[in-house]
């Protein structure tokens, strides 16, 4: 188990920011925003909305995290920028090894 945790520490999301410009992410993001009625599920704000992943999945075989659009809808929620930042400040998003 220690070797797996060390592997996780060494790998990050890499080009995660660039992935958010991908058309597949834009499509998935729109689906989540529509599902959540274009408002923060926490405070109800309708501006500066972001889609938050409730967890990240690290594929041990490929040694990579899943692409942001490859997660099921149930693992994503719409948050405003403030709630999203506050959530990340208070809690660490878990990384699940698959």
C-alpha atoms as a PDB file:
ATOM      1  CA  UNK A   1       0.000   0.000   0.000  1.00  0.00           C
ATOM      2  CA  UNK A   2       2.878   2.387   0.731  1.00  0.00           C
ATOM      3  CA  UNK A   3       4.149   1.994  -2.844  1.00  0.00           C
ATOM      4  CA  UNK A   4       0.726   2.918  -4.219  1.00  0.00           C
ATOM      5  CA  UNK A   5       0.507   6.016  -2.011  1.00  0.00           C
ATOM      6  CA  UNK A   6       3.983   7.069  -3.126  1.00  0.00           C
ATOM      7  CA  UNK A   7       2.940   6.624  -6.764  1.00  0.00           C
ATOM      8  CA  UNK A   8      -0.103   8.843  -6.168  1.00  0.00           C
ATOM      9  CA  UNK A   9       2.045  11.557  -4.594  1.00  0.00           C
ATOM     10  CA  UNK A  10       4.359  11.601  -7.616  1.00  0.00           C
ATOM     11  CA  UNK A  11       1.562  11.902 -10.175  1.00  0.00           C
ATOM     12  CA  UNK A  12      -0.593  14.972 -10.430  1.00  0.00           C
ATOM     13  CA  UNK A  13      -3.285  15.923 -12.848  1.00  0.00           C
ATOM     14  CA  UNK A  14      -0.590  17.112 -15.236  1.00  0.00           C
ATOM     15  CA  UNK A  15      -2.236  19.095 -17.979  1.00  0.00           C
ATOM     16  CA  UNK A  16      -5.540  19.333 -16.107  1.00  0.00           C
ATOM     17  CA  UNK A  17      -5.950  23.019 -16.986  1.00  0.00           C
ATOM     18  CA  UNK A  18      -5.542  22.261 -20.681  1.00  0.00           C
ATOM     19  CA  UNK A  19      -8.087  19.443 -20.375  1.00  0.00           C
ATOM     20  CA  UNK A  20     -10.694  21.988 -19.314  1.00  0.00           C
ATOM     21  CA  UNK A  21     -10.454  23.544 -22.784  1.00  0.00           C
ATOM     22  CA  UNK A  22     -11.293  20.223 -24.446  1.00  0.00           C
ATOM     23  CA  UNK A  23     -14.683  19.961 -26.160  1.00  0.00           C
ATOM     24  CA  UNK A  24     -15.459  16.769 -24.222  1.00  0.00           C
ATOM     25  CA  UNK A  25     -15.099  18.677 -20.952  1.00  0.00           C
ATOM     26  CA  UNK A  26     -17.186  21.582 -22.237  1.00  0.00           C
ATOM     27  CA  UNK A  27     -19.972  19.139 -23.113  1.00  0.00           C
ATOM     28  CA  UNK A  28     -19.807  17.359 -19.729  1.00  0.00           C
ATOM     29  CA  UNK A  29     -19.665  20.690 -17.879  1.00  0.00           C
ATOM     30  CA  UNK A  30     -22.775  21.903 -19.692  1.00  0.00           C
ATOM     31  CA  UNK A  31     -24.629  18.684 -18.786  1.00  0.00           C
ATOM     32  CA  UNK A  32     -23.807  19.161 -15.090  1.00  0.00           C
ATOM     33  CA  UNK A  33     -24.761  22.859 -15.139  1.00  0.00           C
ATOM     34  CA  UNK A  34     -28.080  22.013 -16.814  1.00  0.00           C
ATOM     35  CA  UNK A  35     -28.788  19.231 -14.328  1.00  0.00           C
ATOM     36  CA  UNK A  36     -28.147  21.614 -11.421  1.00  0.00           C
ATOM     37  CA  UNK A  37     -30.294  24.341 -13.029  1.00  0.00           C
ATOM     38  CA  UNK A  38     -27.328  26.691 -13.476  1.00  0.00           C
ATOM     39  CA  UNK A  39     -26.987  27.414  -9.767  1.00  0.00           C
ATOM     40  CA  UNK A  40     -24.625  26.514  -6.938  1.00  0.00           C
ATOM     41  CA  UNK A  41     -25.978  23.444  -5.157  1.00  0.00           C
ATOM     42  CA  UNK A  42     -24.612  24.846  -1.905  1.00  0.00           C
ATOM     43  CA  UNK A  43     -25.735  28.488  -1.761  1.00  0.00           C
ATOM     44  CA  UNK A  44     -27.934  28.926  -4.852  1.00  0.00           C
ATOM     45  CA  UNK A  45     -25.696  31.534  -6.533  1.00  0.00           C
ATOM     46  CA  UNK A  46     -26.078  31.828 -10.295  1.00  0.00           C
ATOM     47  CA  UNK A  47     -22.802  33.554 -11.166  1.00  0.00           C
ATOM     48  CA  UNK A  48     -19.191  32.382 -11.464  1.00  0.00           C
ATOM     49  CA  UNK A  49     -20.267  28.740 -11.614  1.00  0.00           C
ATOM     50  CA  UNK A  50     -17.780  25.888 -11.667  1.00  0.00           C
ATOM     51  CA  UNK A  51     -18.161  22.127 -11.855  1.00  0.00           C
ATOM     52  CA  UNK A  52     -16.530  20.332  -8.934  1.00  0.00           C
ATOM     53  CA  UNK A  53     -15.340  16.710  -8.910  1.00  0.00           C
ATOM     54  CA  UNK A  54     -16.228  14.997  -5.625  1.00  0.00           C
ATOM     55  CA  UNK A  55     -13.312  12.608  -6.090  1.00  0.00           C
ATOM     56  CA  UNK A  56     -10.517  11.834  -8.514  1.00  0.00           C
ATOM     57  CA  UNK A  57      -9.672   8.406  -9.914  1.00  0.00           C
ATOM     58  CA  UNK A  58      -6.091   7.291 -10.442  1.00  0.00           C
ATOM     59  CA  UNK A  59      -5.661   4.369 -12.833  1.00  0.00           C
ATOM     60  CA  UNK A  60      -2.829   2.266 -11.487  1.00  0.00           C
ATOM     61  CA  UNK A  61      -2.322   0.499 -14.859  1.00  0.00           C
ATOM     62  CA  UNK A  62      -1.812   3.675 -16.884  1.00  0.00           C
ATOM     63  CA  UNK A  63      -0.400   5.671 -13.953  1.00  0.00           C
ATOM     64  CA  UNK A  64      -2.680   8.564 -14.838  1.00  0.00           C
ATOM     65  CA  UNK A  65      -5.721  10.280 -13.454  1.00  0.00           C
ATOM     66  CA  UNK A  66      -8.923   9.909 -15.434  1.00  0.00           C
ATOM     67  CA  UNK A  67      -9.752  12.780 -17.744  1.00  0.00           C
ATOM     68  CA  UNK A  68     -12.165  15.296 -16.170  1.00  0.00           C
ATOM     69  CA  UNK A  69     -14.980  14.322 -18.559  1.00  0.00           C
ATOM     70  CA  UNK A  70     -14.665  10.586 -17.840  1.00  0.00           C
ATOM     71  CA  UNK A  71     -16.406  10.720 -14.451  1.00  0.00           C
ATOM     72  CA  UNK A  72     -20.048   9.806 -13.910  1.00  0.00           C
ATOM     73  CA  UNK A  73     -22.460  12.681 -13.324  1.00  0.00           C
ATOM     74  CA  UNK A  74     -23.028  11.608  -9.722  1.00  0.00           C
ATOM     75  CA  UNK A  75     -19.413  12.527  -8.889  1.00  0.00           C
ATOM     76  CA  UNK A  76     -19.783  16.133 -10.097  1.00  0.00           C
ATOM     77  CA  UNK A  77     -21.663  19.110  -8.706  1.00  0.00           C
ATOM     78  CA  UNK A  78     -22.112  22.757  -9.613  1.00  0.00           C
ATOM     79  CA  UNK A  79     -20.593  25.238  -7.181  1.00  0.00           C
ATOM     80  CA  UNK A  80     -20.029  28.970  -7.327  1.00  0.00           C
ATOM     81  CA  UNK A  81     -16.414  30.106  -7.246  1.00  0.00           C
ATOM     82  CA  UNK A  82     -16.655  31.044  -3.543  1.00  0.00           C
ATOM     83  CA  UNK A  83     -18.162  27.719  -2.390  1.00  0.00           C
ATOM     84  CA  UNK A  84     -15.735  25.789  -4.588  1.00  0.00           C
ATOM     85  CA  UNK A  85     -12.711  27.581  -3.124  1.00  0.00           C
ATOM     86  CA  UNK A  86     -14.057  27.271   0.426  1.00  0.00           C
ATOM     87  CA  UNK A  87     -14.639  23.544  -0.076  1.00  0.00           C
ATOM     88  CA  UNK A  88     -11.094  22.974  -1.301  1.00  0.00           C
ATOM     89  CA  UNK A  89      -9.748  24.990   1.630  1.00  0.00           C
ATOM     90  CA  UNK A  90     -11.688  22.874   4.146  1.00  0.00           C
ATOM     91  CA  UNK A  91     -11.520  19.418   2.559  1.00  0.00           C
ATOM     92  CA  UNK A  92      -9.134  17.406   0.436  1.00  0.00           C
ATOM     93  CA  UNK A  93     -10.763  15.818  -2.603  1.00  0.00           C
ATOM     94  CA  UNK A  94     -10.113  12.093  -2.259  1.00  0.00           C
ATOM     95  CA  UNK A  95      -8.119  10.254  -4.902  1.00  0.00           C
ATOM     96  CA  UNK A  96      -9.421   6.741  -5.476  1.00  0.00           C
ATOM     97  CA  UNK A  97      -7.099   4.126  -6.946  1.00  0.00           C
ATOM     98  CA  UNK A  98      -8.782   2.084  -9.661  1.00  0.00           C
END
